[in-house]
N, C-alpha and C. Protein backbone atom coordinates (compact mmCIF):
# COMPACT_ATOMS: atom_id res chain seq x y z
N MET A 1 -78.68 32.96 31.31
CA MET A 1 -77.26 32.80 31.07
C MET A 1 -76.50 32.75 32.40
N GLN A 2 -76.85 33.65 33.32
CA GLN A 2 -76.16 33.69 34.60
C GLN A 2 -76.44 32.42 35.40
N GLU A 3 -77.66 31.91 35.31
CA GLU A 3 -78.01 30.67 36.02
C GLU A 3 -77.18 29.50 35.47
N GLU A 4 -77.02 29.46 34.15
CA GLU A 4 -76.21 28.41 33.53
C GLU A 4 -74.76 28.52 33.98
N ASN A 5 -74.24 29.74 34.06
CA ASN A 5 -72.88 29.97 34.50
C ASN A 5 -72.70 29.49 35.95
N GLY A 6 -73.70 29.73 36.78
CA GLY A 6 -73.65 29.26 38.17
C GLY A 6 -73.59 27.75 38.25
N LYS A 7 -74.35 27.08 37.38
CA LYS A 7 -74.33 25.61 37.35
C LYS A 7 -72.97 25.10 36.88
N ASN A 8 -72.39 25.80 35.89
CA ASN A 8 -71.06 25.41 35.41
C ASN A 8 -70.02 25.60 36.51
N GLU A 9 -70.14 26.69 37.27
CA GLU A 9 -69.23 26.93 38.38
C GLU A 9 -69.36 25.83 39.43
N GLN A 10 -70.60 25.46 39.72
CA GLN A 10 -70.83 24.40 40.71
C GLN A 10 -70.25 23.08 40.22
N ALA A 11 -70.42 22.78 38.94
CA ALA A 11 -69.88 21.54 38.39
C ALA A 11 -68.36 21.54 38.44
N ALA A 12 -67.74 22.67 38.11
CA ALA A 12 -66.28 22.76 38.17
C ALA A 12 -65.80 22.65 39.61
N GLU A 13 -66.51 23.26 40.53
CA GLU A 13 -66.15 23.17 41.95
C GLU A 13 -66.26 21.74 42.45
N ARG A 14 -67.29 21.03 42.01
CA ARG A 14 -67.43 19.60 42.39
C ARG A 14 -66.27 18.78 41.84
N ARG A 15 -65.86 19.08 40.60
CA ARG A 15 -64.72 18.36 40.01
C ARG A 15 -63.44 18.63 40.80
N VAL A 16 -63.24 19.88 41.22
CA VAL A 16 -62.07 20.23 42.02
C VAL A 16 -62.09 19.45 43.32
N GLN A 17 -63.22 19.47 44.02
CA GLN A 17 -63.32 18.78 45.31
C GLN A 17 -63.17 17.27 45.15
N ALA A 18 -63.74 16.70 44.09
CA ALA A 18 -63.63 15.25 43.87
C ALA A 18 -62.18 14.86 43.62
N ALA A 19 -61.46 15.65 42.84
CA ALA A 19 -60.05 15.36 42.58
C ALA A 19 -59.23 15.45 43.87
N LYS A 20 -59.49 16.47 44.69
CA LYS A 20 -58.77 16.61 45.95
C LYS A 20 -59.03 15.42 46.87
N MET A 21 -60.29 15.00 46.94
CA MET A 21 -60.62 13.86 47.81
C MET A 21 -59.96 12.58 47.32
N ALA A 22 -59.99 12.37 46.01
CA ALA A 22 -59.38 11.17 45.45
C ALA A 22 -57.87 11.16 45.70
N ILE A 23 -57.23 12.30 45.61
CA ILE A 23 -55.79 12.39 45.89
C ILE A 23 -55.51 12.03 47.34
N MET A 24 -56.34 12.54 48.25
CA MET A 24 -56.15 12.26 49.67
C MET A 24 -56.30 10.77 49.99
N GLU A 25 -57.09 10.05 49.20
CA GLU A 25 -57.34 8.64 49.49
C GLU A 25 -56.28 7.70 48.92
N LEU A 26 -55.38 8.25 48.10
CA LEU A 26 -54.34 7.40 47.53
C LEU A 26 -53.39 6.91 48.61
N GLY A 27 -52.89 5.71 48.40
CA GLY A 27 -51.92 5.16 49.33
C GLY A 27 -50.51 5.53 48.92
N PRO A 28 -49.54 4.77 49.39
CA PRO A 28 -48.14 5.04 49.04
C PRO A 28 -47.93 5.02 47.53
N MET A 29 -47.03 5.87 47.08
CA MET A 29 -46.79 5.95 45.64
C MET A 29 -45.32 6.19 45.37
N ARG A 30 -44.93 5.88 44.15
CA ARG A 30 -43.58 6.17 43.71
C ARG A 30 -43.58 6.30 42.20
N PRO A 31 -42.74 7.18 41.68
CA PRO A 31 -42.64 7.33 40.23
C PRO A 31 -41.78 6.22 39.66
N GLY A 32 -41.85 6.03 38.38
CA GLY A 32 -40.92 5.11 37.75
C GLY A 32 -41.54 4.23 36.70
N LEU A 33 -40.65 3.47 36.12
CA LEU A 33 -41.01 2.51 35.09
C LEU A 33 -40.38 1.18 35.45
N LEU A 34 -41.19 0.15 35.47
CA LEU A 34 -40.72 -1.19 35.82
C LEU A 34 -40.47 -1.96 34.53
N THR A 35 -39.26 -2.45 34.37
CA THR A 35 -38.91 -3.19 33.15
C THR A 35 -38.29 -4.54 33.51
N VAL A 36 -38.28 -5.43 32.54
CA VAL A 36 -37.61 -6.72 32.69
C VAL A 36 -36.28 -6.62 31.95
N GLN A 37 -35.21 -6.95 32.65
CA GLN A 37 -33.86 -6.95 32.09
C GLN A 37 -33.36 -8.39 32.09
N TYR A 38 -32.32 -8.64 31.30
CA TYR A 38 -31.74 -9.99 31.23
C TYR A 38 -30.25 -9.91 31.45
N ARG A 39 -29.74 -10.83 32.26
CA ARG A 39 -28.30 -10.90 32.47
C ARG A 39 -27.60 -11.33 31.19
N ASP A 40 -28.24 -12.24 30.46
CA ASP A 40 -27.75 -12.69 29.15
C ASP A 40 -28.78 -12.27 28.12
N ARG A 41 -28.59 -11.06 27.58
CA ARG A 41 -29.60 -10.53 26.65
C ARG A 41 -29.66 -11.31 25.36
N ALA A 42 -28.55 -11.84 24.91
CA ALA A 42 -28.53 -12.57 23.64
C ALA A 42 -29.46 -13.78 23.68
N HIS A 43 -29.49 -14.47 24.81
CA HIS A 43 -30.32 -15.68 24.94
C HIS A 43 -31.54 -15.46 25.83
N ARG A 44 -31.74 -14.24 26.25
CA ARG A 44 -32.87 -13.87 27.12
C ARG A 44 -32.98 -14.78 28.34
N ARG A 45 -31.85 -14.90 29.03
CA ARG A 45 -31.80 -15.70 30.26
C ARG A 45 -31.40 -14.82 31.43
N GLY A 46 -31.80 -15.24 32.61
CA GLY A 46 -31.45 -14.50 33.81
C GLY A 46 -32.29 -13.25 33.96
N ALA A 47 -33.60 -13.38 33.77
CA ALA A 47 -34.49 -12.21 33.84
C ALA A 47 -34.56 -11.66 35.27
N TYR A 48 -34.60 -10.34 35.35
CA TYR A 48 -34.83 -9.66 36.61
C TYR A 48 -35.57 -8.36 36.32
N ARG A 49 -36.20 -7.82 37.35
CA ARG A 49 -36.96 -6.58 37.17
C ARG A 49 -36.18 -5.40 37.72
N GLN A 50 -36.30 -4.30 36.98
CA GLN A 50 -35.60 -3.09 37.37
C GLN A 50 -36.56 -1.91 37.36
N LEU A 51 -36.49 -1.11 38.39
CA LEU A 51 -37.30 0.09 38.50
C LEU A 51 -36.40 1.28 38.19
N SER A 52 -36.81 2.10 37.23
CA SER A 52 -36.04 3.29 36.86
C SER A 52 -36.92 4.51 37.05
N TYR A 53 -36.34 5.57 37.61
CA TYR A 53 -37.08 6.81 37.79
C TYR A 53 -36.11 7.98 37.86
N THR A 54 -36.65 9.17 37.69
CA THR A 54 -35.87 10.40 37.81
C THR A 54 -36.47 11.22 38.93
N LEU A 55 -35.62 11.68 39.82
CA LEU A 55 -36.05 12.50 40.95
C LEU A 55 -35.04 13.61 41.12
N ARG A 56 -35.54 14.85 41.16
CA ARG A 56 -34.68 16.03 41.27
C ARG A 56 -33.61 16.04 40.18
N ARG A 57 -34.03 15.72 38.98
CA ARG A 57 -33.19 15.70 37.79
C ARG A 57 -32.05 14.69 37.85
N ARG A 58 -32.18 13.69 38.72
CA ARG A 58 -31.17 12.63 38.80
C ARG A 58 -31.84 11.30 38.53
N SER A 59 -31.20 10.51 37.69
CA SER A 59 -31.73 9.21 37.32
C SER A 59 -31.35 8.17 38.38
N HIS A 60 -32.29 7.30 38.68
CA HIS A 60 -32.07 6.24 39.66
C HIS A 60 -32.59 4.93 39.09
N SER A 61 -32.00 3.83 39.49
CA SER A 61 -32.55 2.52 39.15
C SER A 61 -32.34 1.58 40.33
N GLU A 62 -33.31 0.71 40.51
CA GLU A 62 -33.28 -0.22 41.63
C GLU A 62 -33.69 -1.61 41.15
N HIS A 63 -33.08 -2.61 41.72
CA HIS A 63 -33.49 -3.98 41.48
C HIS A 63 -34.77 -4.24 42.29
N VAL A 64 -35.73 -4.94 41.70
CA VAL A 64 -36.98 -5.25 42.39
C VAL A 64 -37.07 -6.76 42.54
N ARG A 65 -37.10 -7.19 43.79
CA ARG A 65 -37.21 -8.63 44.05
C ARG A 65 -38.64 -9.10 43.82
N GLU A 66 -38.79 -10.36 43.57
CA GLU A 66 -40.10 -10.95 43.28
C GLU A 66 -41.09 -10.71 44.41
N ASP A 67 -40.64 -10.81 45.66
CA ASP A 67 -41.55 -10.62 46.79
C ASP A 67 -41.95 -9.15 46.98
N GLU A 68 -41.28 -8.22 46.32
CA GLU A 68 -41.63 -6.79 46.39
C GLU A 68 -42.48 -6.35 45.20
N LEU A 69 -42.61 -7.20 44.22
CA LEU A 69 -43.23 -6.83 42.95
C LEU A 69 -44.66 -6.30 43.10
N ALA A 70 -45.50 -6.97 43.86
CA ALA A 70 -46.90 -6.55 44.00
C ALA A 70 -46.98 -5.16 44.64
N ARG A 71 -46.20 -4.94 45.69
CA ARG A 71 -46.22 -3.64 46.38
C ARG A 71 -45.70 -2.53 45.47
N ILE A 72 -44.61 -2.77 44.78
CA ILE A 72 -44.04 -1.77 43.88
C ILE A 72 -45.01 -1.45 42.75
N THR A 73 -45.64 -2.47 42.20
CA THR A 73 -46.60 -2.28 41.12
C THR A 73 -47.76 -1.41 41.58
N GLU A 74 -48.26 -1.66 42.78
CA GLU A 74 -49.35 -0.86 43.34
C GLU A 74 -48.91 0.59 43.55
N GLU A 75 -47.70 0.80 44.05
CA GLU A 75 -47.19 2.15 44.25
C GLU A 75 -47.05 2.89 42.91
N LEU A 76 -46.61 2.19 41.88
CA LEU A 76 -46.51 2.80 40.55
C LEU A 76 -47.90 3.16 40.02
N ARG A 77 -48.86 2.28 40.23
CA ARG A 77 -50.24 2.53 39.80
C ARG A 77 -50.80 3.75 40.54
N ASN A 78 -50.54 3.85 41.84
CA ASN A 78 -51.01 4.99 42.62
C ASN A 78 -50.39 6.29 42.11
N TYR A 79 -49.12 6.25 41.73
CA TYR A 79 -48.47 7.45 41.21
C TYR A 79 -49.09 7.88 39.88
N ALA A 80 -49.37 6.90 39.01
CA ALA A 80 -50.01 7.22 37.73
C ALA A 80 -51.39 7.84 37.96
N THR A 81 -52.13 7.30 38.92
CA THR A 81 -53.43 7.85 39.27
C THR A 81 -53.29 9.26 39.82
N PHE A 82 -52.28 9.46 40.67
CA PHE A 82 -52.00 10.78 41.23
C PHE A 82 -51.74 11.81 40.13
N LYS A 83 -50.92 11.45 39.15
CA LYS A 83 -50.61 12.37 38.06
C LYS A 83 -51.87 12.71 37.26
N ALA A 84 -52.72 11.71 36.99
CA ALA A 84 -53.97 11.95 36.25
C ALA A 84 -54.90 12.85 37.06
N LEU A 85 -54.99 12.61 38.36
CA LEU A 85 -55.85 13.43 39.23
C LEU A 85 -55.32 14.87 39.31
N CYS A 86 -54.01 15.04 39.35
CA CYS A 86 -53.44 16.39 39.37
C CYS A 86 -53.80 17.13 38.08
N ALA A 87 -53.73 16.45 36.95
CA ALA A 87 -54.11 17.08 35.68
C ALA A 87 -55.58 17.47 35.70
N GLU A 88 -56.44 16.59 36.22
CA GLU A 88 -57.87 16.89 36.33
C GLU A 88 -58.10 18.08 37.26
N LEU A 89 -57.38 18.10 38.37
CA LEU A 89 -57.51 19.20 39.33
C LEU A 89 -57.12 20.53 38.70
N VAL A 90 -56.03 20.55 37.95
CA VAL A 90 -55.60 21.79 37.31
C VAL A 90 -56.61 22.23 36.26
N GLU A 91 -57.10 21.29 35.45
CA GLU A 91 -58.09 21.64 34.43
C GLU A 91 -59.37 22.20 35.05
N ALA A 92 -59.86 21.53 36.09
CA ALA A 92 -61.10 21.99 36.74
C ALA A 92 -60.89 23.33 37.43
N SER A 93 -59.74 23.52 38.06
CA SER A 93 -59.45 24.79 38.72
C SER A 93 -59.34 25.92 37.71
N LEU A 94 -58.73 25.64 36.59
CA LEU A 94 -58.62 26.65 35.54
C LEU A 94 -59.99 27.02 34.99
N GLU A 95 -60.82 26.00 34.75
CA GLU A 95 -62.18 26.25 34.27
C GLU A 95 -62.96 27.09 35.28
N LEU A 96 -62.85 26.74 36.55
CA LEU A 96 -63.54 27.49 37.61
C LEU A 96 -63.07 28.94 37.64
N SER A 97 -61.78 29.15 37.55
CA SER A 97 -61.23 30.50 37.54
C SER A 97 -61.73 31.30 36.35
N GLN A 98 -61.75 30.67 35.19
CA GLN A 98 -62.22 31.37 33.99
C GLN A 98 -63.71 31.71 34.09
N LEU A 99 -64.50 30.81 34.65
CA LEU A 99 -65.92 31.08 34.82
C LEU A 99 -66.14 32.23 35.79
N ARG A 100 -65.39 32.25 36.88
CA ARG A 100 -65.53 33.33 37.86
C ARG A 100 -65.08 34.67 37.29
N THR A 101 -64.01 34.64 36.50
CA THR A 101 -63.53 35.87 35.86
C THR A 101 -64.58 36.40 34.88
N ALA A 102 -65.15 35.51 34.09
CA ALA A 102 -66.17 35.92 33.12
C ALA A 102 -67.40 36.48 33.84
N ALA A 103 -67.79 35.86 34.94
CA ALA A 103 -68.95 36.33 35.70
C ALA A 103 -68.68 37.70 36.30
N SER A 104 -67.49 37.90 36.83
CA SER A 104 -67.19 39.20 37.44
C SER A 104 -67.10 40.30 36.38
N ARG A 105 -66.65 39.96 35.19
CA ARG A 105 -66.59 40.95 34.11
C ARG A 105 -67.99 41.34 33.64
N ARG A 106 -68.89 40.36 33.64
CA ARG A 106 -70.26 40.67 33.25
C ARG A 106 -70.92 41.59 34.27
N LYS A 107 -70.55 41.41 35.53
CA LYS A 107 -71.11 42.25 36.59
C LYS A 107 -70.41 43.60 36.65
N GLY A 108 -69.22 43.69 36.08
CA GLY A 108 -68.46 44.93 36.12
C GLY A 108 -67.73 45.14 37.41
N ALA A 109 -67.52 44.07 38.16
CA ALA A 109 -66.83 44.16 39.44
C ALA A 109 -65.50 43.42 39.36
N HIS A 110 -64.70 43.62 40.37
CA HIS A 110 -63.43 42.89 40.48
C HIS A 110 -63.70 41.52 41.08
N PRO A 111 -62.91 40.50 40.69
CA PRO A 111 -63.14 39.15 41.25
C PRO A 111 -62.80 39.13 42.74
N PRO A 112 -63.54 38.30 43.51
CA PRO A 112 -63.26 38.22 44.93
C PRO A 112 -61.90 37.60 45.18
N ALA A 113 -61.19 38.08 46.19
CA ALA A 113 -59.88 37.53 46.54
C ALA A 113 -60.09 36.29 47.39
N ASP A 114 -59.49 35.19 46.97
CA ASP A 114 -59.62 33.92 47.73
C ASP A 114 -58.42 33.70 48.60
């Protein structure tokens, strides 16, 4: 049982390290949602792209020019990846903490301070 717990700890530690490394490799990012708006909504003419996001509890929106579209899209994709990696990092860290707590309780000792 203890050997299995050690393997689980190692697997959780690898997940933590992998998430950290993946986060470090991400390029520029920005939060937001990219939408298509129309100057004439009734006839769907005059399309333009708008980026909307909330930062520090304040809503922002920006016009996105066609020549900026690829870069902005990549930054949005990086942010979505960042959020998913953060969730993975928290889950793996929590699992690792729970495994270490369970192991220390089985041994009857206090958990090591990190």
